[in-house]
Amino acid sequence: MAYADHSEASSRTVSIIIVALIHAVLGYAFVTGLGMKYVKKAAEQLDVFEVKEEPPPPDEPPPPPPKPAEVPPPPVVAPPKIVETPAPAAPVINTVPKPVPIPIPSPAPPPPPRAVEKAKPRGNPGNWVTSDDYPSRALREERSGVTGFRLDVDANGRVSNCTITKSSGHSDLDSEACRLLSRRARFRPAVGANGENMTDSFSSRIVWRIPD
């Protein structure tokens, strides 16, 4: 009996071990088969999976333009009052002609006082200009002529001015005559109606003749 129990126990142990090995093999096969299946399925899914790029984010819309500043309306100003200036009155035209002034002739100047006694030469007038006073150039060129003159005599009897009234035709003879007369001619002054000396004039001529 004891032997039988021992054999039965040994065979039961062997059976358990065999069953455990079978389970282990089956588990390994099952795990290995399932792993390959899932690996193959994962590979197929990886082959058909497309990675899509995400589209770029849309551009942000530009900010709205700033609102224009509100400008207050201009103040209402009352228009200036129109001042009506009165039109100037029409000028009064005098139709009456003005009297034309009659020009009054100015009185004629009083005549110059006349000398009661004329101015008289002192000495011989022929000695005022002589042949010795003949200009040398005119003498060499044998030029001659007659020079008329007027002498203004002051109240002292001296010659204040000499005027040529008729030319000899030669300026050097005329100028020499006036130069000598102004230096040499002397007069008794003229006397007026009041008995006082006064100015007067004296006229004459000089003959320029070439001496023999």
N, C-alpha and C. Protein backbone atom coordinates (compact mmCIF):
# COMPACT_ATOMS: atom_id res chain seq x y z
N MET A 1 0.81 -1.17 0.00
CA MET A 1 0.00 0.00 0.00
C MET A 1 0.84 1.22 0.00
N ALA A 2 1.76 1.19 0.83
CA ALA A 2 2.70 2.33 0.90
C ALA A 2 3.39 2.52 -0.41
N TYR A 3 3.72 1.44 -1.09
CA TYR A 3 4.41 1.52 -2.37
C TYR A 3 3.51 2.09 -3.39
N ALA A 4 2.24 1.67 -3.33
CA ALA A 4 1.28 2.16 -4.28
C ALA A 4 1.07 3.62 -4.12
N ASP A 5 1.04 4.07 -2.89
CA ASP A 5 0.84 5.54 -2.64
C ASP A 5 2.03 6.32 -3.14
N HIS A 6 3.18 5.69 -2.97
CA HIS A 6 4.39 6.37 -3.39
C HIS A 6 4.41 6.47 -4.88
N SER A 7 4.02 5.50 -5.62
CA SER A 7 4.02 5.54 -7.07
C SER A 7 3.00 6.49 -7.60
N GLU A 8 1.86 6.44 -6.89
CA GLU A 8 0.79 7.36 -7.35
C GLU A 8 1.21 8.79 -7.13
N ALA A 9 1.90 9.07 -6.04
CA ALA A 9 2.35 10.43 -5.76
C ALA A 9 3.40 10.85 -6.77
N SER A 10 4.27 9.94 -7.18
CA SER A 10 5.33 10.28 -8.12
C SER A 10 4.75 10.57 -9.48
N SER A 11 3.79 9.73 -9.88
CA SER A 11 3.19 9.95 -11.21
C SER A 11 2.40 11.26 -11.22
N ARG A 12 1.80 11.54 -10.07
CA ARG A 12 1.04 12.81 -10.02
C ARG A 12 2.00 13.94 -10.12
N THR A 13 3.14 13.91 -9.57
CA THR A 13 4.12 14.99 -9.61
C THR A 13 4.62 15.16 -11.02
N VAL A 14 4.86 14.04 -11.69
CA VAL A 14 5.33 14.12 -13.08
C VAL A 14 4.30 14.75 -13.94
N SER A 15 3.07 14.38 -13.69
CA SER A 15 1.98 14.96 -14.49
C SER A 15 1.90 16.45 -14.30
N ILE A 16 2.06 16.83 -13.06
CA ILE A 16 1.98 18.28 -12.79
C ILE A 16 3.10 19.00 -13.50
N ILE A 17 4.30 18.38 -13.50
CA ILE A 17 5.44 19.03 -14.14
C ILE A 17 5.21 19.11 -15.63
N ILE A 18 4.67 17.99 -16.20
CA ILE A 18 4.42 18.00 -17.66
C ILE A 18 3.40 19.06 -17.99
N VAL A 19 2.37 19.05 -17.20
CA VAL A 19 1.31 20.08 -17.46
C VAL A 19 1.89 21.45 -17.34
N ALA A 20 2.78 21.71 -16.37
CA ALA A 20 3.38 23.03 -16.19
C ALA A 20 4.25 23.38 -17.37
N LEU A 21 5.01 22.38 -17.89
CA LEU A 21 5.85 22.64 -19.05
C LEU A 21 5.00 22.97 -20.25
N ILE A 22 3.88 22.16 -20.42
CA ILE A 22 2.98 22.43 -21.56
C ILE A 22 2.42 23.84 -21.44
N HIS A 23 2.02 24.22 -20.26
CA HIS A 23 1.47 25.59 -20.06
C HIS A 23 2.53 26.63 -20.34
N ALA A 24 3.77 26.32 -19.95
CA ALA A 24 4.83 27.29 -20.17
C ALA A 24 5.09 27.45 -21.65
N VAL A 25 5.11 26.25 -22.37
CA VAL A 25 5.34 26.35 -23.82
C VAL A 25 4.23 27.07 -24.49
N LEU A 26 3.01 26.70 -24.12
CA LEU A 26 1.85 27.37 -24.72
C LEU A 26 1.86 28.85 -24.38
N GLY A 27 2.21 29.18 -23.16
CA GLY A 27 2.24 30.62 -22.79
C GLY A 27 3.29 31.37 -23.58
N TYR A 28 4.44 30.72 -23.76
CA TYR A 28 5.51 31.38 -24.52
C TYR A 28 5.07 31.57 -25.95
N ALA A 29 4.46 30.46 -26.50
CA ALA A 29 4.01 30.56 -27.89
C ALA A 29 2.93 31.60 -28.02
N PHE A 30 2.06 31.58 -27.05
CA PHE A 30 0.96 32.56 -27.12
C PHE A 30 1.49 33.98 -27.02
N VAL A 31 2.40 34.16 -26.08
CA VAL A 31 2.96 35.52 -25.90
C VAL A 31 3.75 35.91 -27.12
N THR A 32 4.55 34.91 -27.65
CA THR A 32 5.36 35.23 -28.82
C THR A 32 4.49 35.51 -30.02
N GLY A 33 3.44 34.71 -30.21
CA GLY A 33 2.56 34.92 -31.36
C GLY A 33 1.82 36.23 -31.28
N LEU A 34 1.32 36.50 -30.09
CA LEU A 34 0.59 37.77 -29.92
C LEU A 34 1.53 38.95 -30.11
N GLY A 35 2.74 38.83 -29.62
CA GLY A 35 3.69 39.96 -29.79
C GLY A 35 3.98 40.21 -31.24
N MET A 36 4.23 39.14 -32.00
CA MET A 36 4.50 39.37 -33.42
C MET A 36 3.31 39.96 -34.11
N LYS A 37 2.13 39.51 -33.72
CA LYS A 37 0.91 40.05 -34.35
C LYS A 37 0.77 41.51 -34.09
N TYR A 38 0.96 41.87 -32.84
CA TYR A 38 0.80 43.30 -32.52
C TYR A 38 1.93 44.15 -33.11
N VAL A 39 3.14 43.54 -33.19
CA VAL A 39 4.25 44.28 -33.79
C VAL A 39 3.98 44.50 -35.26
N LYS A 40 3.46 43.44 -35.97
CA LYS A 40 3.16 43.59 -37.40
C LYS A 40 2.05 44.59 -37.61
N LYS A 41 1.03 44.51 -36.73
CA LYS A 41 -0.08 45.47 -36.88
C LYS A 41 0.37 46.88 -36.64
N ALA A 42 1.26 47.06 -35.67
CA ALA A 42 1.79 48.40 -35.39
C ALA A 42 2.61 48.90 -36.55
N ALA A 43 3.36 47.96 -37.21
CA ALA A 43 4.17 48.38 -38.35
C ALA A 43 3.29 48.80 -39.49
N GLU A 44 2.18 48.03 -39.72
CA GLU A 44 1.27 48.44 -40.80
C GLU A 44 0.67 49.80 -40.53
N GLN A 45 0.28 50.01 -39.29
CA GLN A 45 -0.30 51.32 -38.97
C GLN A 45 0.72 52.45 -39.15
N LEU A 46 2.00 52.10 -38.83
CA LEU A 46 3.02 53.12 -39.01
C LEU A 46 3.23 53.42 -40.48
N ASP A 47 3.05 52.39 -41.37
CA ASP A 47 3.28 52.64 -42.79
C ASP A 47 2.23 53.54 -43.39
N VAL A 48 1.04 53.47 -42.92
CA VAL A 48 -0.05 54.26 -43.55
C VAL A 48 -0.31 55.55 -42.81
N PHE A 49 0.39 55.80 -41.74
CA PHE A 49 0.12 57.02 -40.96
C PHE A 49 0.86 58.20 -41.59
N GLU A 50 0.16 59.22 -41.96
CA GLU A 50 0.72 60.45 -42.54
C GLU A 50 0.75 61.54 -41.49
N VAL A 51 1.92 62.05 -41.37
CA VAL A 51 2.07 63.17 -40.42
C VAL A 51 1.73 64.45 -41.16
N LYS A 52 0.70 65.08 -40.82
CA LYS A 52 0.25 66.34 -41.45
C LYS A 52 0.82 67.54 -40.70
N GLU A 53 1.39 68.43 -41.54
CA GLU A 53 1.91 69.66 -40.93
C GLU A 53 0.76 70.57 -40.53
N GLU A 54 0.91 71.07 -39.38
CA GLU A 54 -0.13 72.00 -38.92
C GLU A 54 -0.06 73.30 -39.73
N PRO A 55 -1.18 73.78 -40.23
CA PRO A 55 -1.16 75.05 -41.01
C PRO A 55 -0.70 76.22 -40.13
N PRO A 56 -0.01 77.19 -40.78
CA PRO A 56 0.45 78.35 -39.96
C PRO A 56 -0.74 79.11 -39.41
N PRO A 57 -0.52 79.67 -38.29
CA PRO A 57 -1.64 80.43 -37.69
C PRO A 57 -2.01 81.60 -38.59
N PRO A 58 -3.24 81.93 -38.73
CA PRO A 58 -3.65 83.07 -39.60
C PRO A 58 -3.04 84.37 -39.09
N ASP A 59 -2.75 85.25 -40.11
CA ASP A 59 -2.20 86.57 -39.75
C ASP A 59 -3.19 87.34 -38.91
N GLU A 60 -2.58 87.99 -37.95
CA GLU A 60 -3.45 88.81 -37.11
C GLU A 60 -3.94 90.03 -37.89
N PRO A 61 -5.18 90.31 -37.84
CA PRO A 61 -5.69 91.50 -38.58
C PRO A 61 -5.04 92.77 -38.03
N PRO A 62 -4.75 93.75 -38.97
CA PRO A 62 -4.13 95.01 -38.47
C PRO A 62 -5.06 95.73 -37.51
N PRO A 63 -4.46 96.42 -36.60
CA PRO A 63 -5.30 97.15 -35.63
C PRO A 63 -6.13 98.20 -36.35
N PRO A 64 -7.29 98.45 -35.89
CA PRO A 64 -8.14 99.47 -36.54
C PRO A 64 -7.48 100.85 -36.44
N PRO A 65 -7.66 101.71 -37.49
CA PRO A 65 -7.06 103.06 -37.44
C PRO A 65 -7.61 103.86 -36.27
N PRO A 66 -6.74 104.72 -35.73
CA PRO A 66 -7.24 105.51 -34.59
C PRO A 66 -8.36 106.45 -35.03
N LYS A 67 -9.26 106.60 -34.21
CA LYS A 67 -10.37 107.50 -34.50
C LYS A 67 -9.86 108.95 -34.54
N PRO A 68 -10.27 109.71 -35.58
CA PRO A 68 -9.84 111.13 -35.62
C PRO A 68 -10.35 111.90 -34.42
N ALA A 69 -9.45 112.79 -33.99
CA ALA A 69 -9.84 113.60 -32.83
C ALA A 69 -11.02 114.47 -33.19
N GLU A 70 -11.89 114.50 -32.33
CA GLU A 70 -13.08 115.31 -32.57
C GLU A 70 -12.72 116.79 -32.41
N VAL A 71 -12.85 117.52 -33.55
CA VAL A 71 -12.57 118.96 -33.53
C VAL A 71 -13.87 119.69 -33.19
N PRO A 72 -13.80 120.49 -32.17
CA PRO A 72 -15.05 121.19 -31.82
C PRO A 72 -15.45 122.15 -32.93
N PRO A 73 -16.66 122.28 -33.23
CA PRO A 73 -17.09 123.21 -34.30
C PRO A 73 -16.71 124.64 -33.93
N PRO A 74 -16.39 125.46 -34.98
CA PRO A 74 -16.02 126.86 -34.67
C PRO A 74 -17.19 127.60 -34.03
N PRO A 75 -16.82 128.52 -33.15
CA PRO A 75 -17.90 129.26 -32.49
C PRO A 75 -18.67 130.11 -33.51
N VAL A 76 -19.88 130.19 -33.27
CA VAL A 76 -20.75 130.97 -34.14
C VAL A 76 -20.57 132.45 -33.80
N VAL A 77 -20.06 133.20 -34.80
CA VAL A 77 -19.82 134.63 -34.60
C VAL A 77 -20.85 135.40 -35.41
N ALA A 78 -21.46 136.30 -34.76
CA ALA A 78 -22.46 137.11 -35.45
C ALA A 78 -21.78 138.02 -36.46
N PRO A 79 -22.27 138.13 -37.68
CA PRO A 79 -21.63 139.01 -38.68
C PRO A 79 -21.67 140.45 -38.21
N PRO A 80 -20.59 141.21 -38.58
CA PRO A 80 -20.59 142.61 -38.15
C PRO A 80 -21.73 143.39 -38.80
N LYS A 81 -22.14 144.34 -38.06
CA LYS A 81 -23.23 145.16 -38.58
C LYS A 81 -22.72 146.03 -39.72
N ILE A 82 -23.49 146.09 -40.74
CA ILE A 82 -23.15 146.91 -41.90
C ILE A 82 -23.55 148.34 -41.61
N VAL A 83 -22.49 149.17 -41.56
CA VAL A 83 -22.74 150.59 -41.29
C VAL A 83 -22.84 151.29 -42.63
N GLU A 84 -23.95 151.81 -42.88
CA GLU A 84 -24.16 152.52 -44.13
C GLU A 84 -23.70 153.96 -43.97
N THR A 85 -22.66 154.29 -44.76
CA THR A 85 -22.17 155.67 -44.72
C THR A 85 -23.01 156.52 -45.66
N PRO A 86 -23.40 157.63 -45.19
CA PRO A 86 -24.23 158.48 -46.06
C PRO A 86 -23.43 158.96 -47.26
N ALA A 87 -24.06 158.94 -48.38
CA ALA A 87 -23.40 159.40 -49.60
C ALA A 87 -23.13 160.89 -49.49
N PRO A 88 -21.92 161.32 -49.94
CA PRO A 88 -21.63 162.75 -49.85
C PRO A 88 -22.58 163.55 -50.73
N ALA A 89 -22.91 164.67 -50.21
CA ALA A 89 -23.82 165.52 -50.96
C ALA A 89 -23.13 166.04 -52.21
N ALA A 90 -23.90 166.17 -53.23
CA ALA A 90 -23.35 166.67 -54.49
C ALA A 90 -22.87 168.10 -54.29
N PRO A 91 -21.67 168.39 -54.82
CA PRO A 91 -21.18 169.77 -54.65
C PRO A 91 -22.07 170.76 -55.38
N VAL A 92 -22.17 171.89 -54.74
CA VAL A 92 -22.98 172.96 -55.33
C VAL A 92 -22.12 173.71 -56.33
N ILE A 93 -22.55 173.68 -57.55
CA ILE A 93 -21.81 174.35 -58.61
C ILE A 93 -22.36 175.75 -58.78
N ASN A 94 -21.47 176.68 -58.59
CA ASN A 94 -21.87 178.07 -58.74
C ASN A 94 -21.83 178.44 -60.21
N THR A 95 -22.98 178.71 -60.74
CA THR A 95 -23.06 179.04 -62.16
C THR A 95 -22.75 180.50 -62.45
N VAL A 96 -22.63 181.27 -61.39
CA VAL A 96 -22.33 182.68 -61.61
C VAL A 96 -20.84 182.81 -61.88
N PRO A 97 -20.43 183.32 -63.01
CA PRO A 97 -19.00 183.43 -63.29
C PRO A 97 -18.32 184.41 -62.36
N LYS A 98 -17.12 183.99 -61.97
CA LYS A 98 -16.35 184.86 -61.10
C LYS A 98 -15.82 186.06 -61.88
N PRO A 99 -15.77 187.17 -61.24
CA PRO A 99 -15.24 188.34 -61.96
C PRO A 99 -13.76 188.17 -62.25
N VAL A 100 -13.38 188.45 -63.44
CA VAL A 100 -11.99 188.35 -63.85
C VAL A 100 -11.25 189.59 -63.37
N PRO A 101 -10.23 189.38 -62.55
CA PRO A 101 -9.51 190.56 -62.06
C PRO A 101 -8.77 191.26 -63.21
N ILE A 102 -8.88 192.51 -63.19
CA ILE A 102 -8.21 193.30 -64.22
C ILE A 102 -6.81 193.62 -63.71
N PRO A 103 -5.80 193.19 -64.44
CA PRO A 103 -4.44 193.47 -63.97
C PRO A 103 -4.18 194.96 -63.96
N ILE A 104 -3.62 195.36 -62.84
CA ILE A 104 -3.26 196.78 -62.70
C ILE A 104 -1.80 196.92 -63.05
N PRO A 105 -1.48 197.68 -64.01
CA PRO A 105 -0.06 197.82 -64.37
C PRO A 105 0.73 198.44 -63.24
N SER A 106 1.89 197.81 -63.01
CA SER A 106 2.74 198.34 -61.95
C SER A 106 3.32 199.68 -62.40
N PRO A 107 3.49 200.53 -61.46
CA PRO A 107 4.01 201.85 -61.84
C PRO A 107 5.44 201.75 -62.38
N ALA A 108 5.71 202.50 -63.35
CA ALA A 108 7.04 202.49 -63.95
C ALA A 108 8.06 203.00 -62.94
N PRO A 109 9.22 202.36 -62.96
CA PRO A 109 10.25 202.82 -62.00
C PRO A 109 10.62 204.27 -62.30
N PRO A 110 10.94 204.97 -61.25
CA PRO A 110 11.30 206.38 -61.47
C PRO A 110 12.57 206.46 -62.31
N PRO A 111 12.66 207.42 -63.13
CA PRO A 111 13.86 207.56 -63.96
C PRO A 111 15.08 207.83 -63.10
N PRO A 112 16.19 207.32 -63.54
CA PRO A 112 17.40 207.55 -62.74
C PRO A 112 17.69 209.05 -62.64
N PRO A 113 18.22 209.41 -61.51
CA PRO A 113 18.51 210.85 -61.35
C PRO A 113 19.52 211.33 -62.40
N ARG A 114 19.25 212.47 -62.92
CA ARG A 114 20.13 213.02 -63.95
C ARG A 114 21.13 213.98 -63.30
N ALA A 115 22.31 213.87 -63.85
CA ALA A 115 23.36 214.73 -63.30
C ALA A 115 23.20 216.16 -63.83
N VAL A 116 23.32 217.08 -62.90
CA VAL A 116 23.30 218.50 -63.32
C VAL A 116 24.61 218.82 -64.04
N GLU A 117 25.66 218.27 -63.55
CA GLU A 117 26.97 218.44 -64.19
C GLU A 117 27.52 217.05 -64.50
N LYS A 118 27.86 216.78 -65.74
CA LYS A 118 28.41 215.49 -66.16
C LYS A 118 29.83 215.32 -65.62
N ALA A 119 30.23 214.06 -65.56
CA ALA A 119 31.61 213.76 -65.17
C ALA A 119 32.54 214.25 -66.27
N LYS A 120 33.61 214.91 -65.87
CA LYS A 120 34.56 215.50 -66.82
C LYS A 120 35.95 214.92 -66.58
N PRO A 121 36.66 214.63 -67.68
CA PRO A 121 38.01 214.08 -67.51
C PRO A 121 38.95 215.11 -66.89
N ARG A 122 39.81 214.60 -66.05
CA ARG A 122 40.89 215.43 -65.52
C ARG A 122 42.08 215.32 -66.47
N GLY A 123 42.55 216.43 -66.98
CA GLY A 123 43.68 216.40 -67.91
C GLY A 123 43.22 216.07 -69.31
N ASN A 124 44.20 215.72 -70.14
CA ASN A 124 43.94 215.45 -71.54
C ASN A 124 43.66 213.97 -71.73
N PRO A 125 42.44 213.56 -72.23
CA PRO A 125 42.16 212.13 -72.44
C PRO A 125 43.09 211.51 -73.47
N GLY A 126 43.69 212.33 -74.35
CA GLY A 126 44.61 211.75 -75.33
C GLY A 126 45.85 211.18 -74.72
N ASN A 127 46.11 211.52 -73.46
CA ASN A 127 47.30 210.99 -72.80
C ASN A 127 47.04 209.65 -72.07
N TRP A 128 45.77 209.26 -72.04
CA TRP A 128 45.48 207.99 -71.35
C TRP A 128 46.07 206.78 -72.11
N VAL A 129 45.99 206.80 -73.44
CA VAL A 129 46.56 205.72 -74.27
C VAL A 129 47.33 206.41 -75.40
N THR A 130 48.63 206.14 -75.51
CA THR A 130 49.48 206.75 -76.53
C THR A 130 50.07 205.68 -77.44
N SER A 131 50.81 206.14 -78.46
CA SER A 131 51.45 205.21 -79.39
C SER A 131 52.51 204.36 -78.71
N ASP A 132 52.99 204.86 -77.56
CA ASP A 132 53.98 204.05 -76.82
C ASP A 132 53.34 202.80 -76.20
N ASP A 133 51.99 202.83 -76.07
CA ASP A 133 51.27 201.68 -75.46
C ASP A 133 50.85 200.64 -76.51
N TYR A 134 51.26 200.81 -77.71
CA TYR A 134 50.88 199.89 -78.78
C TYR A 134 51.42 198.48 -78.45
N PRO A 135 50.60 197.48 -78.44
CA PRO A 135 51.10 196.12 -78.18
C PRO A 135 52.17 195.74 -79.21
N SER A 136 53.25 195.18 -78.75
CA SER A 136 54.40 194.89 -79.62
C SER A 136 54.04 193.88 -80.71
N ARG A 137 53.28 192.90 -80.39
CA ARG A 137 52.94 191.89 -81.41
C ARG A 137 52.06 192.50 -82.49
N ALA A 138 51.05 193.32 -82.05
CA ALA A 138 50.20 193.98 -83.04
C ALA A 138 51.01 194.96 -83.89
N LEU A 139 52.01 195.56 -83.25
CA LEU A 139 52.86 196.48 -84.02
C LEU A 139 53.68 195.72 -85.05
N ARG A 140 54.25 194.59 -84.70
CA ARG A 140 55.04 193.80 -85.64
C ARG A 140 54.16 193.30 -86.79
N GLU A 141 52.93 192.93 -86.44
CA GLU A 141 52.03 192.43 -87.47
C GLU A 141 51.29 193.56 -88.18
N GLU A 142 51.59 194.81 -87.78
CA GLU A 142 51.00 195.99 -88.40
C GLU A 142 49.46 195.93 -88.39
N ARG A 143 48.94 195.64 -87.21
CA ARG A 143 47.48 195.61 -87.05
C ARG A 143 47.03 196.92 -86.42
N SER A 144 45.93 197.43 -86.88
CA SER A 144 45.40 198.71 -86.39
C SER A 144 43.88 198.63 -86.33
N GLY A 145 43.23 199.69 -85.80
CA GLY A 145 41.78 199.73 -85.71
C GLY A 145 41.33 200.77 -84.73
N VAL A 146 40.00 200.84 -84.53
CA VAL A 146 39.40 201.82 -83.62
C VAL A 146 38.61 201.05 -82.57
N THR A 147 38.88 201.36 -81.31
CA THR A 147 38.18 200.72 -80.18
C THR A 147 37.27 201.73 -79.53
N GLY A 148 35.95 201.45 -79.55
CA GLY A 148 35.00 202.28 -78.83
C GLY A 148 34.79 201.73 -77.44
N PHE A 149 34.60 202.64 -76.42
CA PHE A 149 34.49 202.19 -75.03
C PHE A 149 33.51 203.08 -74.27
N ARG A 150 33.07 202.56 -73.13
CA ARG A 150 32.28 203.33 -72.17
C ARG A 150 32.83 203.06 -70.80
N LEU A 151 33.08 204.14 -70.05
CA LEU A 151 33.61 204.02 -68.71
C LEU A 151 32.53 204.40 -67.71
N ASP A 152 32.36 203.54 -66.68
CA ASP A 152 31.48 203.88 -65.56
C ASP A 152 32.32 204.59 -64.51
N VAL A 153 31.86 205.78 -64.12
CA VAL A 153 32.61 206.62 -63.18
C VAL A 153 31.83 206.67 -61.88
N ASP A 154 32.51 206.38 -60.76
CA ASP A 154 31.82 206.41 -59.47
C ASP A 154 31.79 207.84 -58.91
N ALA A 155 31.22 207.97 -57.71
CA ALA A 155 31.05 209.30 -57.11
C ALA A 155 32.39 209.91 -56.72
N ASN A 156 33.46 209.14 -56.72
CA ASN A 156 34.79 209.67 -56.40
C ASN A 156 35.57 210.05 -57.66
N GLY A 157 34.99 209.85 -58.86
CA GLY A 157 35.66 210.19 -60.10
C GLY A 157 36.58 209.10 -60.60
N ARG A 158 36.49 207.86 -60.07
CA ARG A 158 37.33 206.76 -60.53
C ARG A 158 36.53 205.84 -61.45
N VAL A 159 37.23 205.13 -62.34
CA VAL A 159 36.58 204.20 -63.27
C VAL A 159 36.26 202.90 -62.52
N SER A 160 34.98 202.57 -62.49
CA SER A 160 34.55 201.32 -61.82
C SER A 160 34.35 200.18 -62.80
N ASN A 161 34.20 200.50 -64.10
CA ASN A 161 34.00 199.43 -65.09
C ASN A 161 34.30 199.98 -66.47
N CYS A 162 34.78 199.11 -67.36
CA CYS A 162 35.08 199.48 -68.75
C CYS A 162 34.37 198.50 -69.67
N THR A 163 33.61 199.00 -70.63
CA THR A 163 32.86 198.17 -71.58
C THR A 163 33.26 198.55 -73.00
N ILE A 164 33.59 197.57 -73.84
CA ILE A 164 33.91 197.80 -75.24
C ILE A 164 32.59 197.93 -76.00
N THR A 165 32.35 199.07 -76.57
CA THR A 165 31.13 199.31 -77.35
C THR A 165 31.35 199.06 -78.84
N LYS A 166 32.58 199.10 -79.29
CA LYS A 166 32.90 198.81 -80.69
C LYS A 166 34.31 198.22 -80.74
N SER A 167 34.41 197.03 -81.31
CA SER A 167 35.70 196.35 -81.34
C SER A 167 36.54 196.85 -82.51
N SER A 168 37.84 196.84 -82.30
CA SER A 168 38.78 197.19 -83.35
C SER A 168 39.01 196.05 -84.31
N GLY A 169 38.47 194.88 -83.95
CA GLY A 169 38.71 193.69 -84.75
C GLY A 169 39.85 192.86 -84.23
N HIS A 170 40.49 193.35 -83.17
CA HIS A 170 41.62 192.62 -82.59
C HIS A 170 41.45 192.61 -81.07
N SER A 171 41.31 191.44 -80.51
CA SER A 171 41.01 191.34 -79.07
C SER A 171 42.14 191.89 -78.22
N ASP A 172 43.38 191.76 -78.67
CA ASP A 172 44.48 192.24 -77.84
C ASP A 172 44.49 193.77 -77.77
N LEU A 173 44.09 194.45 -78.86
CA LEU A 173 44.01 195.91 -78.82
C LEU A 173 42.87 196.37 -77.93
N ASP A 174 41.71 195.66 -77.96
CA ASP A 174 40.56 196.05 -77.14
C ASP A 174 40.86 195.85 -75.65
N SER A 175 41.41 194.69 -75.30
CA SER A 175 41.68 194.42 -73.89
C SER A 175 42.76 195.36 -73.35
N GLU A 176 43.74 195.73 -74.17
CA GLU A 176 44.77 196.66 -73.73
C GLU A 176 44.20 198.05 -73.51
N ALA A 177 43.23 198.45 -74.33
CA ALA A 177 42.60 199.77 -74.17
C ALA A 177 41.87 199.84 -72.83
N CYS A 178 41.06 198.84 -72.49
CA CYS A 178 40.32 198.86 -71.22
C CYS A 178 41.28 198.79 -70.04
N ARG A 179 42.34 198.04 -70.13
CA ARG A 179 43.28 197.92 -69.03
C ARG A 179 43.93 199.28 -68.72
N LEU A 180 44.36 200.00 -69.79
CA LEU A 180 45.02 201.29 -69.58
C LEU A 180 44.05 202.37 -69.12
N LEU A 181 42.81 202.35 -69.64
CA LEU A 181 41.83 203.36 -69.24
C LEU A 181 41.44 203.20 -67.78
N SER A 182 41.26 201.94 -67.33
CA SER A 182 40.87 201.72 -65.93
C SER A 182 41.97 202.19 -64.98
N ARG A 183 43.21 202.16 -65.39
CA ARG A 183 44.31 202.58 -64.54
C ARG A 183 44.56 204.09 -64.59
N ARG A 184 44.38 204.71 -65.78
CA ARG A 184 44.85 206.08 -65.95
C ARG A 184 43.74 207.13 -65.97
N ALA A 185 42.57 206.77 -66.37
CA ALA A 185 41.52 207.79 -66.52
C ALA A 185 41.06 208.28 -65.14
N ARG A 186 40.94 209.62 -65.00
CA ARG A 186 40.44 210.24 -63.79
C ARG A 186 39.43 211.32 -64.21
N PHE A 187 38.41 211.50 -63.32
CA PHE A 187 37.32 212.42 -63.64
C PHE A 187 36.99 213.31 -62.44
N ARG A 188 36.40 214.42 -62.83
CA ARG A 188 35.67 215.18 -61.81
C ARG A 188 34.30 214.55 -61.74
N PRO A 189 33.88 214.13 -60.56
CA PRO A 189 32.63 213.39 -60.49
C PRO A 189 31.45 214.26 -60.91
N ALA A 190 30.41 213.58 -61.33
CA ALA A 190 29.18 214.26 -61.71
C ALA A 190 28.50 214.77 -60.46
N VAL A 191 27.66 215.81 -60.63
CA VAL A 191 26.95 216.42 -59.51
C VAL A 191 25.45 216.33 -59.80
N GLY A 192 24.68 215.86 -58.80
CA GLY A 192 23.25 215.72 -58.97
C GLY A 192 22.51 216.99 -58.63
N ALA A 193 21.15 216.91 -58.71
CA ALA A 193 20.33 218.09 -58.45
C ALA A 193 20.42 218.49 -56.99
N ASN A 194 20.73 217.58 -56.14
CA ASN A 194 20.85 217.90 -54.71
C ASN A 194 22.23 218.43 -54.37
N GLY A 195 23.09 218.60 -55.36
CA GLY A 195 24.42 219.16 -55.12
C GLY A 195 25.43 218.13 -54.66
N GLU A 196 25.07 216.83 -54.62
CA GLU A 196 26.01 215.79 -54.17
C GLU A 196 26.59 215.06 -55.37
N ASN A 197 27.79 214.54 -55.16
CA ASN A 197 28.42 213.76 -56.23
C ASN A 197 27.62 212.49 -56.50
N MET A 198 27.65 212.05 -57.75
CA MET A 198 26.88 210.87 -58.13
C MET A 198 27.65 210.13 -59.24
N THR A 199 27.18 208.91 -59.52
CA THR A 199 27.81 208.10 -60.57
C THR A 199 27.41 208.62 -61.94
N ASP A 200 28.26 208.33 -62.91
CA ASP A 200 27.99 208.78 -64.27
C ASP A 200 28.78 207.89 -65.21
N SER A 201 28.72 208.15 -66.49
CA SER A 201 29.46 207.37 -67.48
C SER A 201 30.11 208.32 -68.48
N PHE A 202 31.12 207.78 -69.15
CA PHE A 202 31.86 208.56 -70.14
C PHE A 202 32.16 207.64 -71.31
N SER A 203 31.87 208.06 -72.53
CA SER A 203 32.08 207.25 -73.73
C SER A 203 33.00 207.98 -74.69
N SER A 204 33.87 207.20 -75.36
CA SER A 204 34.77 207.78 -76.35
C SER A 204 35.37 206.64 -77.15
N ARG A 205 36.48 206.88 -77.85
CA ARG A 205 37.12 205.85 -78.64
C ARG A 205 38.62 206.08 -78.70
N ILE A 206 39.34 205.03 -79.04
CA ILE A 206 40.79 205.09 -79.20
C ILE A 206 41.12 204.62 -80.61
N VAL A 207 41.97 205.38 -81.30
CA VAL A 207 42.40 205.02 -82.66
C VAL A 207 43.79 204.40 -82.55
N TRP A 208 43.83 203.13 -82.92
CA TRP A 208 45.12 202.43 -82.93
C TRP A 208 45.71 202.61 -84.33
N ARG A 209 46.74 203.48 -84.41
CA ARG A 209 47.40 203.78 -85.67
C ARG A 209 48.90 203.51 -85.50
N ILE A 210 49.46 202.85 -86.49
CA ILE A 210 50.88 202.53 -86.41
C ILE A 210 51.68 203.82 -86.59
N PRO A 211 52.56 204.11 -85.66
CA PRO A 211 53.31 205.37 -85.77
C PRO A 211 54.28 205.34 -86.97
N ASP A 212 54.53 206.53 -87.49
CA ASP A 212 55.46 206.66 -88.62
C ASP A 212 56.89 206.41 -88.15
